[in-house]
Amino acid sequence: MQKTFNLGIIVLAPLFFFVCSVHGQTKEDKFIGKWLSKDKMTIEVYKTGKSFSIKQLESSKSKDIKNNGKNVAKDILETSKGEFKGISIDLTNGKEYQSIWVVGDDGKRITFKLKWGLIWYSEDWTRL
């Protein structure tokens, strides 16, 4: 009986920790990381103090390669569960635009929304 109990603990303990770690991941944790945009730009979301920033890591477009390593968004804060609001920066002219990032439930997709005048532009990013 003691061997059966010990074997049960050995099998169930790792399973318990695995389940807890999967369910313990927050939307904030799912937001941080590397993402691929629709136009094949690789970006990275990272924490900066209490907010988040986004940096362009790599672009497939020759005109955008000069922006590799530059920040493309800043002052991003979580406003509700899975929704983040901040400022996107147009690196060609320095203009700033209101933006929203919505993390998908599975953590493998982000919907990026940019307000341009009265119009909202939207695209999906996928996790790398």
Protein backbone atom coordinates (compact mmCIF):
# COMPACT_ATOMS: atom_id res chain seq x y z
CA MET A 1 0.00 0.00 0.00
CA GLN A 2 2.83 2.42 0.82
CA LYS A 3 4.45 1.72 -2.59
CA THR A 4 1.18 2.44 -4.38
CA PHE A 5 0.79 5.72 -2.46
CA ASN A 6 4.38 6.78 -3.29
CA LEU A 7 3.91 5.86 -6.94
CA GLY A 8 0.70 7.93 -7.01
CA ILE A 9 2.54 10.95 -5.59
CA ILE A 10 5.37 10.55 -8.12
CA VAL A 11 2.94 10.43 -11.04
CA LEU A 12 0.41 13.04 -9.86
CA ALA A 13 2.80 15.72 -8.58
CA PRO A 14 4.36 16.56 -11.98
CA LEU A 15 0.93 16.44 -13.60
CA PHE A 16 -0.42 18.88 -11.00
CA PHE A 17 2.47 21.33 -11.55
CA PHE A 18 2.05 21.14 -15.34
CA VAL A 19 -1.68 21.90 -15.15
CA CYS A 20 -1.09 24.78 -12.73
CA SER A 21 1.61 26.33 -14.92
CA VAL A 22 -0.56 26.20 -18.05
CA HIS A 23 -3.56 27.76 -16.33
CA GLY A 24 -1.44 30.21 -14.35
CA GLN A 25 -0.20 32.01 -17.46
CA THR A 26 -1.70 35.50 -17.66
CA LYS A 27 -2.66 37.52 -20.73
CA GLU A 28 0.31 39.74 -19.91
CA ASP A 29 2.62 36.72 -20.22
CA LYS A 30 0.95 35.80 -23.51
CA PHE A 31 1.51 39.36 -24.85
CA ILE A 32 5.28 39.33 -24.25
CA GLY A 33 7.39 37.65 -26.92
CA LYS A 34 8.17 37.62 -30.64
CA TRP A 35 5.45 38.02 -33.26
CA LEU A 36 5.16 37.98 -37.04
CA SER A 37 3.01 40.63 -38.72
CA LYS A 38 0.98 40.20 -41.90
CA ASP A 39 3.71 41.85 -43.99
CA LYS A 40 6.38 39.49 -42.55
CA MET A 41 7.88 41.93 -40.05
CA THR A 42 9.22 40.30 -36.90
CA ILE A 43 8.54 42.35 -33.77
CA GLU A 44 9.16 41.82 -30.07
CA VAL A 45 6.90 42.87 -27.20
CA TYR A 46 8.79 43.49 -23.95
CA LYS A 47 8.13 44.97 -20.52
CA THR A 48 9.47 48.46 -19.71
CA GLY A 49 8.69 49.26 -16.08
CA LYS A 50 4.90 49.14 -15.65
CA SER A 51 4.19 49.36 -19.39
CA PHE A 52 5.19 47.51 -22.56
CA SER A 53 7.07 48.51 -25.69
CA ILE A 54 7.38 46.94 -29.13
CA LYS A 55 10.56 46.82 -31.17
CA GLN A 56 10.97 45.91 -34.84
CA LEU A 57 13.48 43.07 -35.01
CA GLU A 58 13.48 42.24 -38.71
CA SER A 59 11.63 43.23 -41.86
CA SER A 60 11.51 41.54 -45.25
CA LYS A 61 10.89 44.86 -47.01
CA SER A 62 14.11 46.56 -48.11
CA LYS A 63 12.76 50.05 -47.27
CA ASP A 64 12.05 48.98 -43.66
CA ILE A 65 15.33 47.19 -42.91
CA LYS A 66 16.86 50.48 -41.68
CA ASN A 67 14.29 50.42 -38.83
CA ASN A 68 15.43 47.07 -37.42
CA GLY A 69 16.08 47.50 -33.70
CA LYS A 70 13.89 50.61 -33.38
CA ASN A 71 10.81 50.95 -31.17
CA VAL A 72 7.53 50.99 -33.10
CA ALA A 73 5.18 51.25 -30.08
CA LYS A 74 5.42 52.56 -26.52
CA ASP A 75 3.46 53.29 -23.33
CA ILE A 76 1.32 50.18 -23.74
CA LEU A 77 -0.85 49.34 -20.73
CA GLU A 78 -3.33 46.54 -20.12
CA THR A 79 -6.80 48.09 -20.00
CA SER A 80 -8.84 44.94 -19.60
CA LYS A 81 -8.24 41.23 -19.63
CA GLY A 82 -6.32 40.55 -22.83
CA GLU A 83 -6.59 44.09 -24.23
CA PHE A 84 -3.68 46.52 -24.30
CA LYS A 85 -3.71 50.18 -25.39
CA GLY A 86 -0.74 52.36 -26.29
CA ILE A 87 0.96 54.44 -28.94
CA SER A 88 2.29 53.22 -32.29
CA ILE A 89 5.05 55.22 -33.94
CA ASP A 90 5.31 55.73 -37.71
CA LEU A 91 9.08 55.54 -38.20
CA THR A 92 8.96 57.37 -41.55
CA ASN A 93 7.65 60.65 -40.10
CA GLY A 94 7.61 60.19 -36.31
CA LYS A 95 3.83 60.55 -36.02
CA GLU A 96 2.12 58.72 -33.17
CA TYR A 97 -1.21 56.90 -33.34
CA GLN A 98 -3.54 55.32 -30.78
CA SER A 99 -3.37 51.54 -30.94
CA ILE A 100 -4.96 48.49 -29.38
CA TRP A 101 -3.61 44.95 -29.14
CA VAL A 102 -6.00 42.11 -28.27
CA VAL A 103 -4.44 38.80 -27.25
CA GLY A 104 -6.25 35.68 -28.44
CA ASP A 105 -7.36 33.16 -25.83
CA ASP A 106 -4.82 30.62 -27.03
CA GLY A 107 -1.93 33.12 -26.84
CA LYS A 108 -0.91 32.38 -30.44
CA ARG A 109 -2.54 35.40 -32.07
CA ILE A 110 -2.75 39.14 -31.48
CA THR A 111 -5.17 41.45 -33.27
CA PHE A 112 -3.47 44.80 -33.78
CA LYS A 113 -5.69 47.86 -34.32
CA LEU A 114 -4.40 51.30 -35.27
CA LYS A 115 -6.52 54.45 -35.26
CA TRP A 116 -5.78 56.58 -38.30
CA GLY A 117 -7.98 59.68 -38.21
CA LEU A 118 -11.53 58.38 -37.84
CA ILE A 119 -10.69 54.95 -39.28
CA TRP A 120 -9.41 51.88 -37.44
CA TYR A 121 -6.97 49.66 -39.35
CA SER A 122 -6.70 46.04 -38.15
CA GLU A 123 -4.42 43.03 -38.74
CA ASP A 124 -3.56 39.76 -37.01
CA TRP A 125 -0.08 38.82 -35.80
CA THR A 126 1.04 35.27 -35.04
CA ARG A 127 3.44 34.10 -32.35
CA LEU A 128 6.88 32.92 -33.42
